[in-house]
Amino acid sequence: MSLVLWIVAGALIVPVLILIGTATRLAAARREQRFAAMRLVGATPRQVSMISAVESTVAAVAGTVVGIALFFAFRSALATIPFTGERFFASDLSLGPFDVAPVVLGVPLAAAVVARFALRRVRISPLGVTRRVTPRPPRAWRLIPLALGVGELLYFVSRRPSTSNGQLAAYMSGFVMIMIGLVAAGPWLTLVGSRLLAGRARHAAALIAGRRLADNPHGGFRAVSGLTVALFVTSVATGVMTTIMAEQGAPRTGSVMASTLSQSFETKSEAAPSPVRIPAELASIPGVEGVYPVYANPRREPSGPDWLPGLVSCADLARSPELGSCVPGATVAYVWHDLTGLRRASDPPPVWLAAPVDAAGLKELSLLSVVVATDGSVPALERSRTVLEAAFPDANRFPATVADHEGDFRQTLVQWQQLANVVIVASLAIAGCSLAVSVAGGLTERKRPFSMLRLTGVPLGMLRRVVALESAVPLLLVAVLAIGMGLLAAQLFLTSQLDYTLHAPGVAYYVAVAAGLVASLAIIASTLPLLRRITGPETARNE
């Protein structure tokens, strides 16, 4: 649960940070010119940095306060939404000081840091804005963080940490490293795509778009960076949940897994019940075919031949052949606590290995569980369950069949699937906002070059095709990389944690990805009408 919640937090926080950075850079070119003018009249770099930080921080504080106020205003309505299949109480959706403080302080701080970084050219010199040169092209070393993230997950395929905290650190750091690697590798991949576009251009719009992307691949990728992370998160969540649902299958019914009831006890406690406490009335319940005490294995070693947790009398076991049999000559056998273990419904009854314990010494051991074999009828199961609960009221676990546990786990999987859907929708929505802000901001920053192109006779339609290509090429290229890396990360996680092989996502996944890409292209298209208003002759004049 901790691992899933940390991944969910990372999946939501990273797109939000990208959105903050994108929004902070909105109209950055105009702000750079204004701050450069302040530098020319005597403002110091510290003063300019302070002004830019205050501007960004004030807007971020206002947005944060409004967001928290809206949460409290709509908390009761949010509680009625069954995110995990069930409604919440309004008190469940509560925020304490330690929940609000990181958001109130972190969002403005992140905005101030991004603003300071975005205007670094102005701090160097008052002429830093006008003396612009083509930045150095990104190098292939940007693929290193991506390779490190994949390598970390690959390392733990056969070396899974034994503790929950160890697994959390191993897998979470790998997923975060891959997300950082996607953002770092994006500009290099955009540069590669721009060169392919320019080299195979058959019309002027493709050539101009390819050259402009090659001149500034960082800016071209920045518009789609949020969507890249969202597609990665979508692919990981879908791959993991689809595989678990396929591997677990429906709860098993109509077999020994659905008809054998077990009551387990805490074996480490000195208060483990004595076998004499097993109610005699269990055997007299109609439909009960046998009652079997299972004793704790005192010599259990995870890597030894006696690794199974329980011991059972072979004489008792002989009364129910469907639960398995002992090897010839054995009086006591090693067994699972419920006498079924990892057995599938189609598997034949197991043959349990002999244990070096005699029948007399067996009854001196702690009781691990009580197993009740029934004919599978509801009255037999429920009456046996009631008797066991009344006889062992202090037990940490309720009596249940394997099918009961599988049904509960199946319901839990459905709830995690709902949570994954919420994360996917939220990350895609945040990424769409980042894309819209970035494309609109990019148009504003480039309005003078586009105005000059219009003055030279370039049709408005060609400029629109240039903008569409500049946004679509990195979007599609990085989308392929993000989806591939997401499915690869899901495969490595499943192999390491559950020993599963990735199952291909269903049609709904591909429809969702296609719809997300189409929506992204629609967002890009919605910004194109701005070109007519911002590329007039008055924009081309020198100020």
Protein backbone atom coordinates (compact mmCIF):
# COMPACT_ATOMS: atom_id res chain seq x y z
CA MET A 1 0.00 0.00 0.00
CA SER A 2 2.83 2.41 0.83
CA LEU A 3 4.50 1.67 -2.50
CA VAL A 4 1.31 2.30 -4.46
CA LEU A 5 0.54 5.54 -2.61
CA TRP A 6 4.07 6.86 -3.11
CA ILE A 7 3.87 6.10 -6.84
CA VAL A 8 0.49 7.85 -6.97
CA ALA A 9 1.98 10.88 -5.20
CA GLY A 10 4.90 11.01 -7.62
CA ALA A 11 2.59 10.57 -10.58
CA LEU A 12 0.58 13.62 -9.51
CA ILE A 13 3.36 15.85 -8.16
CA VAL A 14 5.74 15.66 -11.14
CA PRO A 15 3.13 16.89 -13.70
CA VAL A 16 2.14 19.65 -11.26
CA LEU A 17 5.76 20.82 -11.00
CA ILE A 18 6.00 20.80 -14.80
CA LEU A 19 2.80 22.87 -14.98
CA ILE A 20 4.25 25.38 -12.47
CA GLY A 21 7.38 25.73 -14.55
CA THR A 22 5.42 26.10 -17.78
CA ALA A 23 3.03 28.67 -16.34
CA THR A 24 5.87 30.66 -14.81
CA ARG A 25 7.55 30.93 -18.18
CA LEU A 26 4.38 32.31 -19.81
CA ALA A 27 5.30 35.55 -21.57
CA ALA A 28 8.87 35.08 -20.37
CA ALA A 29 10.28 36.82 -23.45
CA ARG A 30 8.32 40.00 -22.73
CA ARG A 31 9.37 39.94 -19.06
CA GLU A 32 13.00 39.44 -20.05
CA GLN A 33 12.88 42.57 -22.20
CA ARG A 34 11.28 44.55 -19.38
CA PHE A 35 13.81 43.40 -16.80
CA ALA A 36 16.68 44.01 -19.24
CA ALA A 37 15.46 47.62 -19.57
CA MET A 38 15.57 47.91 -15.77
CA ARG A 39 19.14 46.62 -15.81
CA LEU A 40 20.10 49.27 -18.41
CA VAL A 41 18.84 52.06 -16.15
CA GLY A 42 20.79 50.79 -13.16
CA ALA A 43 18.86 47.95 -11.50
CA THR A 44 21.12 45.33 -9.93
CA PRO A 45 20.81 41.59 -10.66
CA ARG A 46 19.60 41.06 -7.09
CA GLN A 47 16.80 43.61 -7.56
CA VAL A 48 15.70 42.05 -10.86
CA SER A 49 15.72 38.58 -9.32
CA MET A 50 13.68 39.83 -6.37
CA ILE A 51 11.08 41.47 -8.63
CA SER A 52 10.68 38.35 -10.79
CA ALA A 53 10.45 36.10 -7.72
CA VAL A 54 7.82 38.33 -6.08
CA GLU A 55 5.72 38.45 -9.26
CA SER A 56 5.71 34.66 -9.56
CA THR A 57 5.24 34.05 -5.84
CA VAL A 58 2.25 36.38 -5.50
CA ALA A 59 0.41 34.62 -8.32
CA ALA A 60 1.33 31.20 -6.94
CA VAL A 61 0.16 32.10 -3.42
CA ALA A 62 -3.15 33.40 -4.77
CA GLY A 63 -3.73 30.23 -6.79
CA THR A 64 -2.79 27.99 -3.86
CA VAL A 65 -5.12 29.75 -1.45
CA VAL A 66 -7.99 29.64 -3.94
CA GLY A 67 -7.36 25.93 -4.57
CA ILE A 68 -7.44 25.04 -0.88
CA ALA A 69 -10.55 27.16 -0.36
CA LEU A 70 -12.28 25.34 -3.23
CA PHE A 71 -11.34 22.01 -1.67
CA PHE A 72 -13.04 22.88 1.61
CA ALA A 73 -16.03 24.33 -0.24
CA PHE A 74 -16.59 21.17 -2.29
CA ARG A 75 -15.37 18.60 0.25
CA SER A 76 -18.85 17.25 0.94
CA ALA A 77 -19.52 16.79 -2.76
CA LEU A 78 -16.14 15.10 -3.29
CA ALA A 79 -16.92 12.62 -0.53
CA THR A 80 -19.86 11.27 -2.54
CA ILE A 81 -17.65 10.28 -5.49
CA PRO A 82 -16.83 6.52 -5.21
CA PHE A 83 -13.17 6.75 -6.24
CA THR A 84 -12.52 3.23 -4.89
CA GLY A 85 -16.01 1.80 -5.36
CA GLU A 86 -17.38 3.20 -2.08
CA ARG A 87 -18.32 6.66 -0.88
CA PHE A 88 -16.29 8.50 1.75
CA PHE A 89 -17.30 10.34 4.88
CA ALA A 90 -16.60 14.05 4.69
CA SER A 91 -14.34 13.65 7.73
CA ASP A 92 -12.17 11.24 5.69
CA LEU A 93 -11.27 14.10 3.35
CA SER A 94 -9.60 16.26 5.96
CA LEU A 95 -6.47 18.39 5.77
CA GLY A 96 -4.41 19.19 8.83
CA PRO A 97 -1.68 21.82 9.23
CA PHE A 98 1.00 19.35 8.18
CA ASP A 99 -0.95 18.64 4.98
CA VAL A 100 -1.59 22.27 4.05
CA ALA A 101 1.80 23.72 4.99
CA PRO A 102 3.90 21.85 2.37
CA VAL A 103 1.51 22.94 -0.39
CA VAL A 104 1.22 26.56 0.75
CA LEU A 105 4.98 26.86 1.07
CA GLY A 106 6.12 24.48 -1.66
CA VAL A 107 4.13 25.78 -4.64
CA PRO A 108 5.17 29.46 -4.27
CA LEU A 109 8.75 28.41 -3.56
CA ALA A 110 8.82 26.25 -6.69
CA ALA A 111 7.41 29.13 -8.74
CA ALA A 112 10.06 31.52 -7.40
CA VAL A 113 12.88 29.07 -8.16
CA VAL A 114 11.61 28.49 -11.70
CA ALA A 115 11.27 32.24 -12.29
CA ARG A 116 14.82 32.85 -11.10
CA PHE A 117 16.13 30.12 -13.38
CA ALA A 118 14.06 31.24 -16.38
CA LEU A 119 15.45 34.80 -16.23
CA ARG A 120 19.09 33.85 -15.70
CA ARG A 121 20.12 35.55 -18.98
CA VAL A 122 18.97 38.94 -17.69
CA ARG A 123 21.05 38.55 -14.54
CA ILE A 124 24.20 37.97 -16.57
CA SER A 125 24.06 41.27 -18.45
CA PRO A 126 21.53 43.98 -19.43
CA LEU A 127 22.12 43.01 -23.06
CA GLY A 128 21.65 39.30 -22.44
CA VAL A 129 18.19 39.38 -24.02
CA THR A 130 19.15 41.13 -27.24
CA ARG A 131 22.40 39.25 -27.74
CA ARG A 132 20.79 35.90 -28.23
CA VAL A 133 22.61 33.06 -29.92
CA THR A 134 21.57 29.56 -30.79
CA PRO A 135 22.00 27.43 -27.63
CA ARG A 136 24.24 24.41 -27.73
CA PRO A 137 22.35 21.37 -29.04
CA PRO A 138 21.50 18.68 -26.49
CA ARG A 139 23.81 15.69 -26.44
CA ALA A 140 23.12 11.97 -26.22
CA TRP A 141 24.31 11.94 -22.58
CA ARG A 142 20.78 13.03 -21.70
CA LEU A 143 19.78 9.38 -22.10
CA ILE A 144 21.93 8.44 -19.08
CA PRO A 145 19.26 9.16 -16.37
CA LEU A 146 16.77 7.09 -18.36
CA ALA A 147 19.24 4.21 -18.58
CA LEU A 148 19.99 4.50 -14.85
CA GLY A 149 16.29 4.24 -13.97
CA VAL A 150 15.79 1.18 -16.15
CA GLY A 151 19.03 -0.32 -14.83
CA GLU A 152 17.90 0.11 -11.23
CA LEU A 153 14.60 -1.70 -11.84
CA LEU A 154 16.46 -4.39 -13.78
CA TYR A 155 18.91 -4.83 -10.90
CA PHE A 156 16.10 -5.62 -8.46
CA VAL A 157 14.43 -8.21 -10.71
CA SER A 158 16.36 -10.99 -8.95
CA ARG A 159 17.34 -8.98 -5.86
CA ARG A 160 14.03 -7.80 -4.41
CA PRO A 161 14.51 -6.23 -0.96
CA SER A 162 12.99 -8.27 1.84
CA THR A 163 11.40 -5.33 3.70
CA SER A 164 8.57 -3.03 2.66
CA ASN A 165 10.71 0.08 3.17
CA GLY A 166 13.46 -1.45 1.07
CA GLN A 167 11.04 -2.22 -1.75
CA LEU A 168 9.60 1.28 -1.51
CA ALA A 169 13.05 2.86 -1.86
CA ALA A 170 14.07 0.51 -4.69
CA TYR A 171 11.03 0.77 -6.93
CA MET A 172 10.02 4.36 -6.20
CA SER A 173 13.49 5.72 -6.93
CA GLY A 174 13.58 3.73 -10.16
CA PHE A 175 10.23 5.10 -11.35
CA VAL A 176 11.19 8.68 -10.43
CA MET A 177 14.54 8.31 -12.19
CA ILE A 178 12.78 7.17 -15.36
CA MET A 179 10.42 10.17 -15.19
CA ILE A 180 13.41 12.49 -14.78
CA GLY A 181 15.14 10.66 -17.60
CA LEU A 182 12.18 11.16 -19.93
CA VAL A 183 12.21 14.90 -19.26
CA ALA A 184 16.00 15.04 -19.67
CA ALA A 185 16.04 12.97 -22.88
CA GLY A 186 13.13 14.84 -24.47
CA PRO A 187 15.16 17.73 -25.97
CA TRP A 188 17.67 15.34 -27.54
CA LEU A 189 14.88 13.25 -29.04
CA THR A 190 13.23 16.45 -30.29
CA LEU A 191 16.50 17.43 -31.97
CA VAL A 192 16.68 14.06 -33.70
CA GLY A 193 13.07 14.42 -34.86
CA SER A 194 13.65 17.97 -36.10
CA ARG A 195 16.59 16.86 -38.23
CA LEU A 196 14.54 14.05 -39.73
CA LEU A 197 11.70 16.49 -40.42
CA ALA A 198 13.97 19.05 -42.09
CA GLY A 199 15.88 16.41 -44.04
CA ARG A 200 12.73 14.89 -45.51
CA ALA A 201 10.74 18.13 -45.90
CA ARG A 202 8.77 18.40 -49.13
CA HIS A 203 7.22 21.79 -48.44
CA ALA A 204 8.26 25.04 -46.82
CA ALA A 205 6.24 24.61 -43.62
CA ALA A 206 8.00 21.35 -42.74
CA LEU A 207 11.41 22.83 -43.51
CA ILE A 208 10.79 25.94 -41.38
CA ALA A 209 9.38 23.85 -38.51
CA GLY A 210 12.32 21.46 -38.64
CA ARG A 211 14.88 24.28 -38.65
CA ARG A 212 13.17 26.11 -35.81
CA LEU A 213 12.97 22.94 -33.70
CA ALA A 214 16.64 22.22 -34.37
CA ASP A 215 17.49 25.78 -33.29
CA ASN A 216 15.71 25.39 -29.92
CA PRO A 217 14.78 21.76 -29.14
CA HIS A 218 14.49 22.58 -25.43
CA GLY A 219 11.65 24.99 -26.09
CA GLY A 220 9.98 22.58 -28.50
CA PHE A 221 9.97 19.76 -25.98
CA ARG A 222 8.96 21.96 -23.05
CA ALA A 223 5.42 22.19 -24.43
CA VAL A 224 4.88 18.41 -24.29
CA SER A 225 6.96 17.49 -21.23
CA GLY A 226 3.91 17.24 -18.97
CA LEU A 227 2.14 14.94 -21.40
CA THR A 228 5.25 12.76 -21.56
CA VAL A 229 5.12 12.07 -17.82
CA ALA A 230 1.34 11.54 -17.98
CA LEU A 231 1.68 8.91 -20.72
CA PHE A 232 4.40 7.15 -18.74
CA VAL A 233 2.21 7.05 -15.63
CA THR A 234 -0.76 5.83 -17.68
CA SER A 235 1.27 3.02 -19.24
CA VAL A 236 2.75 1.86 -15.92
CA ALA A 237 -0.60 1.89 -14.10
CA THR A 238 -2.45 0.15 -16.92
CA GLY A 239 0.26 -2.47 -17.47
CA VAL A 240 0.50 -3.39 -13.79
CA MET A 241 -3.24 -3.49 -13.10
CA THR A 242 -4.10 -5.34 -16.32
CA THR A 243 -1.53 -8.02 -15.56
CA ILE A 244 -2.56 -8.51 -11.93
CA MET A 245 -6.23 -8.76 -12.88
CA ALA A 246 -5.42 -11.31 -15.60
CA GLU A 247 -3.13 -13.39 -13.37
CA GLN A 248 -5.44 -13.47 -10.38
CA GLY A 249 -8.54 -14.31 -12.35
CA ALA A 250 -11.94 -14.78 -10.78
CA PRO A 251 -12.23 -16.24 -7.27
CA ARG A 252 -12.20 -20.01 -7.34
CA THR A 253 -15.52 -21.68 -6.58
CA GLY A 254 -16.79 -25.24 -6.78
CA SER A 255 -13.47 -26.72 -5.59
CA VAL A 256 -11.56 -27.55 -2.43
CA MET A 257 -10.45 -23.88 -2.32
CA ALA A 258 -14.06 -22.83 -1.84
CA SER A 259 -15.12 -25.62 0.51
CA THR A 260 -12.22 -25.78 2.99
CA LEU A 261 -12.45 -23.31 5.89
CA SER A 262 -9.38 -22.39 7.92
CA GLN A 263 -8.96 -20.47 11.18
CA SER A 264 -5.38 -19.22 11.58
CA PHE A 265 -3.68 -18.04 14.78
CA GLU A 266 -0.73 -15.80 15.65
CA THR A 267 2.04 -18.38 16.07
CA LYS A 268 4.50 -15.95 17.73
CA SER A 269 2.19 -15.35 20.64
CA GLU A 270 2.45 -17.41 23.83
CA ALA A 271 -1.35 -17.31 24.02
CA ALA A 272 -1.79 -19.67 21.05
CA PRO A 273 -4.86 -21.84 21.77
CA SER A 274 -4.58 -25.45 22.79
CA PRO A 275 -5.98 -28.19 20.53
CA VAL A 276 -8.41 -29.11 23.33
CA ARG A 277 -10.22 -25.80 22.60
CA ILE A 278 -11.31 -27.02 19.16
CA PRO A 279 -15.10 -27.40 19.49
CA ALA A 280 -16.31 -30.99 19.23
CA GLU A 281 -19.56 -29.75 17.69
CA LEU A 282 -17.71 -28.87 14.46
CA ALA A 283 -17.63 -32.53 13.42
CA SER A 284 -21.39 -32.91 14.02
CA ILE A 285 -22.40 -30.07 11.68
CA PRO A 286 -24.14 -31.49 8.57
CA GLY A 287 -21.83 -31.15 5.58
CA VAL A 288 -18.57 -31.11 7.59
CA GLU A 289 -16.32 -33.91 6.35
CA GLY A 290 -13.36 -33.45 8.66
CA VAL A 291 -11.68 -31.21 11.25
CA TYR A 292 -7.87 -31.03 11.15
CA PRO A 293 -5.57 -29.28 13.63
CA VAL A 294 -2.41 -27.91 11.96
CA TYR A 295 0.57 -27.33 14.25
CA ALA A 296 3.33 -24.72 13.91
CA ASN A 297 6.60 -25.97 12.44
CA PRO A 298 9.29 -25.08 15.03
CA ARG A 299 12.19 -25.83 12.65
CA ARG A 300 10.99 -23.78 9.71
CA GLU A 301 13.79 -22.42 7.50
CA PRO A 302 12.91 -20.33 4.40
CA SER A 303 15.55 -22.05 2.26
CA GLY A 304 15.51 -25.54 3.81
CA PRO A 305 13.48 -28.69 3.06
CA ASP A 306 11.20 -27.90 6.00
CA TRP A 307 10.17 -24.45 4.78
CA LEU A 308 6.40 -25.06 4.98
CA PRO A 309 4.87 -23.44 8.08
CA GLY A 310 2.62 -26.26 9.35
CA LEU A 311 2.63 -29.89 10.48
CA VAL A 312 -0.31 -32.28 10.29
CA SER A 313 -0.97 -35.86 11.29
CA CYS A 314 -1.04 -38.23 8.30
CA ALA A 315 -3.73 -40.29 10.02
CA ASP A 316 -6.00 -37.23 10.12
CA LEU A 317 -5.16 -36.26 6.58
CA ALA A 318 -6.08 -39.69 5.22
CA ARG A 319 -9.77 -38.97 5.90
CA SER A 320 -9.86 -36.28 3.15
CA PRO A 321 -7.82 -37.36 0.10
CA GLU A 322 -8.76 -34.15 -1.76
CA LEU A 323 -6.52 -32.22 0.67
CA GLY A 324 -3.51 -34.32 -0.27
CA SER A 325 -1.67 -37.34 1.07
CA CYS A 326 1.57 -38.13 2.88
CA VAL A 327 4.51 -39.97 1.36
CA PRO A 328 4.44 -43.71 2.19
CA GLY A 329 5.57 -44.46 5.73
CA ALA A 330 5.19 -40.91 7.06
CA THR A 331 3.24 -40.19 10.26
CA VAL A 332 3.58 -36.36 10.19
CA ALA A 333 3.89 -34.13 7.09
CA TYR A 334 4.87 -30.54 6.27
CA VAL A 335 1.82 -28.58 5.02
CA TRP A 336 0.46 -25.10 4.43
CA HIS A 337 -1.59 -23.58 7.24
CA ASP A 338 -4.82 -24.08 5.22
CA LEU A 339 -3.82 -27.41 3.58
CA THR A 340 -4.21 -25.81 0.13
CA GLY A 341 -1.49 -23.15 -0.19
CA LEU A 342 -0.59 -22.13 -3.74
CA ARG A 343 -2.58 -24.96 -5.29
CA ARG A 344 -4.75 -24.15 -8.29
CA ALA A 345 -8.26 -25.55 -8.75
CA SER A 346 -7.13 -27.75 -11.65
CA ASP A 347 -4.11 -29.19 -9.81
CA PRO A 348 -4.23 -32.76 -8.45
CA PRO A 349 -4.08 -33.25 -4.66
CA PRO A 350 -0.50 -32.71 -3.42
CA VAL A 351 1.77 -35.27 -1.81
CA TRP A 352 3.14 -33.73 1.40
CA LEU A 353 6.72 -34.48 2.49
CA ALA A 354 7.42 -36.33 5.72
CA ALA A 355 8.48 -34.42 8.84
CA PRO A 356 10.86 -35.82 11.51
CA VAL A 357 8.21 -35.55 14.25
CA ASP A 358 6.16 -38.34 15.80
CA ALA A 359 2.44 -38.14 16.47
CA ALA A 360 2.94 -37.79 20.22
CA GLY A 361 5.36 -34.91 19.92
CA LEU A 362 3.07 -33.20 17.41
CA LYS A 363 0.40 -32.45 20.03
CA GLU A 364 2.92 -30.63 22.23
CA LEU A 365 3.47 -27.91 19.59
CA SER A 366 1.60 -24.62 19.23
CA LEU A 367 -1.57 -24.65 17.17
CA LEU A 368 -1.11 -22.89 13.82
CA SER A 369 -4.64 -23.27 12.43
CA VAL A 370 -7.80 -25.32 12.39
CA VAL A 371 -8.95 -26.57 8.98
CA VAL A 372 -12.55 -27.66 8.41
CA ALA A 373 -13.30 -29.65 5.24
CA THR A 374 -16.92 -29.29 4.10
CA ASP A 375 -19.05 -30.33 1.17
CA GLY A 376 -19.08 -26.70 -0.04
CA SER A 377 -22.68 -25.98 0.98
CA VAL A 378 -23.45 -22.55 2.39
CA PRO A 379 -25.06 -23.89 5.62
CA ALA A 380 -22.01 -26.04 6.40
CA LEU A 381 -19.58 -23.19 5.75
CA GLU A 382 -21.50 -20.56 7.67
CA ARG A 383 -22.30 -22.74 10.70
CA SER A 384 -18.65 -23.82 10.89
CA ARG A 385 -17.56 -20.20 10.62
CA THR A 386 -19.88 -19.21 13.47
CA VAL A 387 -18.66 -22.00 15.73
CA LEU A 388 -14.99 -21.12 15.08
CA GLU A 389 -15.56 -17.42 15.76
CA ALA A 390 -17.33 -18.22 19.03
CA ALA A 391 -14.60 -20.66 20.10
CA PHE A 392 -11.68 -18.33 19.26
CA PRO A 393 -12.94 -14.75 19.77
CA ASP A 394 -9.42 -13.43 20.37
CA ALA A 395 -8.00 -14.71 17.07
CA ASN A 396 -6.41 -12.07 14.84
CA ARG A 397 -8.00 -13.49 11.70
CA PHE A 398 -11.51 -14.57 10.82
CA PRO A 399 -12.14 -18.09 9.51
CA ALA A 400 -12.23 -18.01 5.71
CA THR A 401 -11.73 -20.12 2.61
CA VAL A 402 -9.15 -19.46 -0.09
CA ALA A 403 -11.98 -18.29 -2.32
CA ASP A 404 -12.98 -15.75 0.36
CA HIS A 405 -9.47 -14.31 0.44
CA GLU A 406 -9.32 -14.20 -3.34
CA GLY A 407 -12.68 -12.42 -3.49
CA ASP A 408 -11.45 -9.78 -1.03
CA PHE A 409 -8.24 -9.37 -3.00
CA ARG A 410 -10.21 -9.07 -6.22
CA GLN A 411 -12.26 -6.26 -4.67
CA THR A 412 -9.03 -4.56 -3.57
CA LEU A 413 -7.74 -4.79 -7.13
CA VAL A 414 -10.89 -3.11 -8.40
CA GLN A 415 -10.31 -0.29 -5.91
CA TRP A 416 -6.68 0.10 -7.04
CA GLN A 417 -7.91 0.14 -10.64
CA GLN A 418 -10.24 2.99 -9.76
CA LEU A 419 -7.38 4.83 -8.08
CA ALA A 420 -5.21 4.27 -11.16
CA ASN A 421 -7.98 5.71 -13.34
CA VAL A 422 -8.15 8.82 -11.13
CA VAL A 423 -4.38 9.27 -11.41
CA ILE A 424 -4.49 8.81 -15.19
CA VAL A 425 -7.30 11.33 -15.69
CA ALA A 426 -5.70 13.85 -13.31
CA SER A 427 -2.24 13.58 -14.88
CA LEU A 428 -3.66 13.89 -18.41
CA ALA A 429 -5.72 16.92 -17.38
CA ILE A 430 -2.68 18.59 -15.82
CA ALA A 431 -0.61 17.74 -18.88
CA GLY A 432 -3.30 19.27 -21.13
CA CYS A 433 -3.16 22.49 -19.14
CA SER A 434 0.64 22.52 -19.43
CA LEU A 435 0.40 21.98 -23.17
CA ALA A 436 -2.13 24.79 -23.67
CA VAL A 437 -0.12 27.23 -21.54
CA SER A 438 3.15 26.31 -23.22
CA VAL A 439 1.87 26.58 -26.80
CA ALA A 440 0.16 29.91 -26.10
CA GLY A 441 3.27 31.22 -24.35
CA GLY A 442 5.44 30.02 -27.21
CA LEU A 443 3.32 31.91 -29.72
CA THR A 444 3.61 35.07 -27.63
CA GLU A 445 7.38 34.74 -27.39
CA ARG A 446 7.71 34.22 -31.15
CA LYS A 447 5.23 36.81 -32.34
CA ARG A 448 7.90 39.15 -33.74
CA PRO A 449 9.65 36.48 -35.89
CA PHE A 450 6.28 35.32 -37.18
CA SER A 451 5.29 38.92 -37.91
CA MET A 452 8.46 39.36 -39.93
CA LEU A 453 7.65 36.22 -41.89
CA ARG A 454 4.17 37.55 -42.66
CA LEU A 455 5.68 40.84 -43.87
CA THR A 456 7.89 38.87 -46.27
CA GLY A 457 4.81 37.26 -47.81
CA VAL A 458 4.48 33.99 -45.91
CA PRO A 459 0.76 33.04 -45.81
CA LEU A 460 -0.95 32.78 -42.45
CA GLY A 461 -1.92 29.19 -43.24
CA MET A 462 1.74 28.22 -43.64
CA LEU A 463 2.58 29.77 -40.27
CA ARG A 464 -0.17 27.71 -38.70
CA ARG A 465 1.23 24.54 -40.24
CA VAL A 466 4.67 25.49 -38.89
CA VAL A 467 3.31 25.88 -35.36
CA ALA A 468 1.35 22.62 -35.62
CA LEU A 469 4.42 20.70 -36.81
CA GLU A 470 6.66 22.25 -34.15
CA SER A 471 4.29 20.94 -31.47
CA ALA A 472 3.19 17.66 -33.07
CA VAL A 473 6.65 16.27 -33.92
CA PRO A 474 8.03 16.24 -30.33
CA LEU A 475 4.61 15.21 -29.03
CA LEU A 476 4.41 12.05 -31.16
CA LEU A 477 8.08 11.12 -30.85
CA VAL A 478 8.23 11.45 -27.08
CA ALA A 479 4.81 9.78 -26.71
CA VAL A 480 6.22 6.61 -28.29
CA LEU A 481 9.21 6.71 -25.91
CA ALA A 482 7.04 7.38 -22.83
CA ILE A 483 4.61 4.54 -23.64
CA GLY A 484 7.45 2.11 -24.32
CA MET A 485 9.29 3.05 -21.12
CA GLY A 486 6.06 2.79 -19.12
CA LEU A 487 5.34 -0.75 -20.31
CA LEU A 488 8.99 -1.73 -19.78
CA ALA A 489 8.95 -0.37 -16.21
CA ALA A 490 5.69 -2.23 -15.55
CA GLN A 491 7.26 -5.47 -16.83
CA LEU A 492 10.34 -5.09 -14.62
CA PHE A 493 8.22 -4.28 -11.56
CA LEU A 494 5.86 -7.23 -12.14
CA THR A 495 8.73 -9.65 -12.68
CA SER A 496 10.54 -8.51 -9.55
CA GLN A 497 7.62 -8.11 -7.17
CA LEU A 498 5.11 -10.74 -8.32
CA ASP A 499 6.98 -12.97 -10.79
CA TYR A 500 4.41 -12.12 -13.47
CA THR A 501 4.88 -11.46 -17.18
CA LEU A 502 3.27 -8.32 -18.56
CA HIS A 503 -0.09 -8.86 -20.24
CA ALA A 504 -0.91 -6.65 -23.20
CA PRO A 505 -3.28 -3.82 -22.21
CA GLY A 506 -6.83 -4.01 -23.49
CA VAL A 507 -8.48 -1.94 -26.18
CA ALA A 508 -9.54 0.69 -23.61
CA TYR A 509 -5.89 1.61 -23.00
CA TYR A 510 -5.17 2.26 -26.67
CA VAL A 511 -8.41 4.20 -27.02
CA ALA A 512 -7.45 6.34 -24.00
CA VAL A 513 -3.95 7.02 -25.38
CA ALA A 514 -5.33 7.86 -28.81
CA ALA A 515 -7.96 10.12 -27.26
CA GLY A 516 -5.27 11.86 -25.20
CA LEU A 517 -3.13 12.49 -28.27
CA VAL A 518 -6.10 13.71 -30.29
CA ALA A 519 -7.09 16.02 -27.43
CA SER A 520 -3.52 17.32 -27.30
CA LEU A 521 -3.54 18.04 -31.03
CA ALA A 522 -6.90 19.75 -30.58
CA ILE A 523 -5.41 21.94 -27.84
CA ILE A 524 -2.59 22.87 -30.21
CA ALA A 525 -5.10 23.67 -32.95
CA SER A 526 -7.15 25.82 -30.57
CA THR A 527 -4.20 28.19 -30.12
CA LEU A 528 -3.65 28.74 -33.85
CA PRO A 529 -6.25 31.56 -34.18
CA LEU A 530 -3.95 33.64 -31.95
CA LEU A 531 -1.51 33.90 -34.87
CA ARG A 532 -3.71 36.36 -36.74
CA ARG A 533 -3.94 38.72 -33.77
CA ILE A 534 -0.31 38.62 -32.65
CA THR A 535 1.47 38.76 -36.03
CA GLY A 536 0.21 42.09 -37.31
CA PRO A 537 2.57 44.70 -38.86
CA GLU A 538 2.69 46.69 -35.60
CA THR A 539 4.38 43.75 -33.86
CA ALA A 540 7.34 43.77 -36.27
CA ARG A 541 8.52 47.26 -35.34
CA ASN A 542 11.64 47.77 -33.26
CA GLU A 543 11.10 49.11 -29.78
